[in-house]
């Protein structure tokens, strides 16, 4: 942590990325949406069009996508705390 802080000593810009609703930004392929189907209280069949937060593989899928998108930048302009 102290090494990271030292590396930022002369930098001019700092930013924070809020990923609170990040899972909801990941869309499902249309052909895969039926895999998320559930029955509503009024007996309608619904499905997610975006990745829900409480599914077993949601955290791993989200992390994999974030790592892929930011992979060339780790240690250069962004740090994970």
N, C-alpha and C. Protein backbone atom coordinates (compact mmCIF):
# COMPACT_ATOMS: atom_id res chain seq x y z
N UNK A 1 0.82 -1.18 0.00
CA UNK A 1 0.00 0.00 0.00
C UNK A 1 0.87 1.25 0.00
N UNK A 2 1.91 1.27 0.82
CA UNK A 2 2.77 2.46 0.86
C UNK A 2 3.49 2.66 -0.47
N UNK A 3 3.85 1.57 -1.14
CA UNK A 3 4.48 1.68 -2.46
C UNK A 3 3.51 2.29 -3.47
N UNK A 4 2.26 1.88 -3.40
CA UNK A 4 1.25 2.43 -4.30
C UNK A 4 1.07 3.92 -4.04
N UNK A 5 1.01 4.31 -2.80
CA UNK A 5 0.85 5.73 -2.45
C UNK A 5 2.04 6.54 -2.94
N UNK A 6 3.26 6.00 -2.78
CA UNK A 6 4.46 6.69 -3.27
C UNK A 6 4.41 6.86 -4.79
N UNK A 7 3.92 5.85 -5.50
CA UNK A 7 3.88 5.93 -6.96
C UNK A 7 2.88 6.99 -7.44
N UNK A 8 1.94 7.36 -6.61
CA UNK A 8 0.94 8.37 -6.97
C UNK A 8 1.32 9.78 -6.51
N UNK A 9 2.47 9.92 -5.89
CA UNK A 9 2.88 11.17 -5.26
C UNK A 9 2.81 12.38 -6.20
N UNK A 10 3.31 12.27 -7.41
CA UNK A 10 3.35 13.42 -8.32
C UNK A 10 2.20 13.46 -9.32
N UNK A 11 1.23 12.60 -9.16
CA UNK A 11 0.12 12.56 -10.10
C UNK A 11 -0.84 13.73 -9.85
N UNK A 12 -1.55 14.13 -10.90
CA UNK A 12 -2.44 15.29 -10.80
C UNK A 12 -3.91 14.92 -10.75
N UNK A 13 -4.26 13.75 -11.27
CA UNK A 13 -5.67 13.36 -11.34
C UNK A 13 -5.89 12.05 -10.60
N UNK A 14 -6.96 12.01 -9.85
CA UNK A 14 -7.35 10.80 -9.14
C UNK A 14 -8.84 10.59 -9.38
N UNK A 15 -9.24 9.37 -9.48
CA UNK A 15 -10.64 9.07 -9.74
C UNK A 15 -11.03 7.80 -9.00
N UNK A 16 -12.31 7.66 -8.77
CA UNK A 16 -12.85 6.47 -8.14
C UNK A 16 -13.91 5.90 -9.07
N UNK A 17 -13.88 4.61 -9.24
CA UNK A 17 -14.86 3.93 -10.08
C UNK A 17 -15.84 3.20 -9.17
N UNK A 18 -17.08 3.62 -9.18
CA UNK A 18 -18.11 3.02 -8.33
C UNK A 18 -18.77 1.88 -9.11
N UNK A 19 -18.57 0.67 -8.64
CA UNK A 19 -19.11 -0.50 -9.33
C UNK A 19 -20.30 -1.10 -8.60
N UNK A 20 -20.97 -0.29 -7.79
CA UNK A 20 -22.09 -0.78 -6.99
C UNK A 20 -23.15 -1.48 -7.85
N UNK A 21 -23.47 -0.91 -8.98
CA UNK A 21 -24.46 -1.50 -9.87
C UNK A 21 -23.82 -2.08 -11.13
N UNK A 22 -22.56 -2.41 -11.03
CA UNK A 22 -21.82 -2.90 -12.19
C UNK A 22 -22.37 -4.16 -12.81
N UNK A 23 -22.88 -5.06 -12.00
CA UNK A 23 -23.42 -6.31 -12.54
C UNK A 23 -24.56 -6.03 -13.52
N UNK A 24 -25.35 -5.01 -13.20
CA UNK A 24 -26.51 -4.70 -14.04
C UNK A 24 -26.11 -4.08 -15.38
N UNK A 25 -24.84 -3.79 -15.58
CA UNK A 25 -24.37 -3.27 -16.86
C UNK A 25 -23.98 -4.40 -17.82
N UNK A 26 -23.92 -5.62 -17.30
CA UNK A 26 -23.54 -6.78 -18.12
C UNK A 26 -24.81 -7.42 -18.67
N UNK A 27 -24.98 -7.36 -19.97
CA UNK A 27 -26.20 -7.92 -20.56
C UNK A 27 -26.02 -9.39 -20.90
N UNK A 28 -27.14 -10.10 -20.93
CA UNK A 28 -27.15 -11.50 -21.35
C UNK A 28 -27.38 -11.56 -22.85
N UNK A 29 -26.81 -12.56 -23.49
CA UNK A 29 -27.14 -12.79 -24.89
C UNK A 29 -28.61 -13.17 -24.96
N UNK A 30 -29.27 -12.76 -26.01
CA UNK A 30 -30.71 -13.03 -26.13
C UNK A 30 -31.02 -14.52 -26.03
N UNK A 31 -30.18 -15.35 -26.64
CA UNK A 31 -30.43 -16.80 -26.62
C UNK A 31 -30.19 -17.43 -25.25
N UNK A 32 -29.55 -16.71 -24.32
CA UNK A 32 -29.28 -17.25 -22.98
C UNK A 32 -30.24 -16.73 -21.92
N UNK A 33 -31.11 -15.83 -22.25
CA UNK A 33 -32.00 -15.22 -21.25
C UNK A 33 -32.96 -16.22 -20.62
N UNK A 34 -33.39 -17.22 -21.37
CA UNK A 34 -34.31 -18.22 -20.81
C UNK A 34 -33.67 -19.00 -19.67
N UNK A 35 -32.36 -19.03 -19.62
CA UNK A 35 -31.66 -19.75 -18.54
C UNK A 35 -31.84 -19.04 -17.19
N UNK A 36 -32.28 -17.80 -17.21
CA UNK A 36 -32.49 -17.05 -15.97
C UNK A 36 -33.97 -16.91 -15.62
N UNK A 37 -34.82 -17.68 -16.28
CA UNK A 37 -36.27 -17.55 -16.11
C UNK A 37 -36.72 -17.94 -14.70
N UNK A 38 -37.75 -17.26 -14.24
CA UNK A 38 -38.36 -17.56 -12.94
C UNK A 38 -39.84 -17.19 -13.01
N UNK A 39 -40.60 -17.73 -12.09
CA UNK A 39 -42.04 -17.50 -12.05
C UNK A 39 -42.34 -16.37 -11.06
N UNK A 40 -43.06 -15.37 -11.51
CA UNK A 40 -43.41 -14.24 -10.65
C UNK A 40 -44.61 -14.62 -9.78
N UNK A 41 -44.89 -13.83 -8.73
CA UNK A 41 -46.03 -14.12 -7.86
C UNK A 41 -47.37 -14.17 -8.60
N UNK A 42 -47.47 -13.46 -9.72
CA UNK A 42 -48.72 -13.50 -10.49
C UNK A 42 -48.65 -14.51 -11.64
N UNK A 43 -47.76 -15.49 -11.50
CA UNK A 43 -47.61 -16.62 -12.43
C UNK A 43 -47.16 -16.24 -13.84
N UNK A 44 -46.45 -15.14 -13.96
CA UNK A 44 -45.84 -14.80 -15.25
C UNK A 44 -44.40 -15.31 -15.26
N UNK A 45 -43.94 -15.75 -16.41
CA UNK A 45 -42.55 -16.17 -16.54
C UNK A 45 -41.72 -14.95 -16.92
N UNK A 46 -40.76 -14.63 -16.08
CA UNK A 46 -39.88 -13.49 -16.31
C UNK A 46 -38.45 -14.00 -16.45
N UNK A 47 -37.59 -13.18 -17.03
CA UNK A 47 -36.17 -13.53 -17.12
C UNK A 47 -35.35 -12.24 -17.05
N UNK A 48 -34.10 -12.41 -16.65
CA UNK A 48 -33.20 -11.27 -16.57
C UNK A 48 -32.64 -10.95 -17.94
N UNK A 49 -32.54 -9.67 -18.25
CA UNK A 49 -31.84 -9.23 -19.46
C UNK A 49 -30.43 -8.77 -19.11
N UNK A 50 -30.21 -8.52 -17.82
CA UNK A 50 -28.90 -8.13 -17.29
C UNK A 50 -28.49 -9.12 -16.22
N UNK A 51 -27.21 -9.15 -15.90
CA UNK A 51 -26.69 -10.11 -14.94
C UNK A 51 -27.14 -9.74 -13.52
N UNK A 52 -27.83 -10.65 -12.83
CA UNK A 52 -28.25 -10.38 -11.46
C UNK A 52 -27.08 -10.52 -10.49
N UNK A 53 -27.19 -9.87 -9.34
CA UNK A 53 -26.11 -9.90 -8.36
C UNK A 53 -26.07 -11.18 -7.55
N UNK A 54 -27.15 -11.89 -7.46
CA UNK A 54 -27.18 -13.03 -6.54
C UNK A 54 -26.98 -14.39 -7.21
N UNK A 55 -26.62 -14.44 -8.47
CA UNK A 55 -26.37 -15.73 -9.12
C UNK A 55 -24.97 -16.21 -8.78
N UNK A 56 -24.80 -17.51 -8.74
CA UNK A 56 -23.55 -18.12 -8.29
C UNK A 56 -22.32 -17.62 -9.05
N UNK A 57 -22.40 -17.52 -10.36
CA UNK A 57 -21.23 -17.16 -11.16
C UNK A 57 -21.15 -15.67 -11.50
N UNK A 58 -22.06 -14.87 -10.99
CA UNK A 58 -22.03 -13.43 -11.29
C UNK A 58 -20.73 -12.76 -10.86
N UNK A 59 -20.23 -13.00 -9.65
CA UNK A 59 -18.97 -12.35 -9.26
C UNK A 59 -17.80 -12.73 -10.16
N UNK A 60 -17.67 -14.00 -10.48
CA UNK A 60 -16.55 -14.44 -11.32
C UNK A 60 -16.67 -13.88 -12.73
N UNK A 61 -17.88 -13.86 -13.26
CA UNK A 61 -18.10 -13.31 -14.61
C UNK A 61 -17.78 -11.82 -14.64
N UNK A 62 -18.25 -11.10 -13.64
CA UNK A 62 -18.00 -9.66 -13.58
C UNK A 62 -16.50 -9.37 -13.44
N UNK A 63 -15.83 -10.10 -12.55
CA UNK A 63 -14.40 -9.90 -12.34
C UNK A 63 -13.61 -10.20 -13.61
N UNK A 64 -13.98 -11.27 -14.30
CA UNK A 64 -13.30 -11.64 -15.54
C UNK A 64 -13.44 -10.53 -16.58
N UNK A 65 -14.62 -9.97 -16.70
CA UNK A 65 -14.84 -8.88 -17.67
C UNK A 65 -14.07 -7.62 -17.30
N UNK A 66 -14.07 -7.27 -16.02
CA UNK A 66 -13.33 -6.08 -15.58
C UNK A 66 -11.83 -6.26 -15.80
N UNK A 67 -11.33 -7.44 -15.47
CA UNK A 67 -9.90 -7.71 -15.66
C UNK A 67 -9.53 -7.63 -17.13
N UNK A 68 -10.38 -8.18 -17.99
CA UNK A 68 -10.13 -8.13 -19.42
C UNK A 68 -10.14 -6.69 -19.95
N UNK A 69 -11.12 -5.91 -19.53
CA UNK A 69 -11.24 -4.53 -20.02
C UNK A 69 -10.09 -3.64 -19.55
N UNK A 70 -9.61 -3.88 -18.32
CA UNK A 70 -8.59 -3.00 -17.75
C UNK A 70 -7.20 -3.63 -17.69
N UNK A 71 -7.02 -4.79 -18.32
CA UNK A 71 -5.79 -5.57 -18.16
C UNK A 71 -4.53 -4.80 -18.54
N UNK A 72 -4.55 -4.01 -19.57
CA UNK A 72 -3.35 -3.30 -19.98
C UNK A 72 -3.01 -2.10 -19.11
N UNK A 73 -3.88 -1.77 -18.18
CA UNK A 73 -3.71 -0.56 -17.37
C UNK A 73 -3.31 -0.83 -15.93
N UNK A 74 -3.38 -2.07 -15.47
CA UNK A 74 -3.08 -2.38 -14.07
C UNK A 74 -1.65 -1.98 -13.73
N UNK A 75 -1.49 -1.20 -12.68
CA UNK A 75 -0.19 -0.74 -12.24
C UNK A 75 0.28 0.51 -12.97
N UNK A 76 -0.36 0.86 -14.07
CA UNK A 76 0.01 2.06 -14.82
C UNK A 76 -0.88 3.23 -14.42
N UNK A 77 -2.19 2.99 -14.50
CA UNK A 77 -3.10 4.09 -14.14
C UNK A 77 -4.19 3.66 -13.17
N UNK A 78 -4.22 2.40 -12.77
CA UNK A 78 -5.24 2.00 -11.80
C UNK A 78 -4.70 0.96 -10.85
N UNK A 79 -5.23 0.99 -9.66
CA UNK A 79 -4.86 0.06 -8.60
C UNK A 79 -6.13 -0.48 -7.97
N UNK A 80 -6.07 -1.71 -7.51
CA UNK A 80 -7.20 -2.32 -6.82
C UNK A 80 -6.89 -2.35 -5.34
N UNK A 81 -7.78 -1.79 -4.55
CA UNK A 81 -7.58 -1.77 -3.09
C UNK A 81 -8.64 -2.63 -2.45
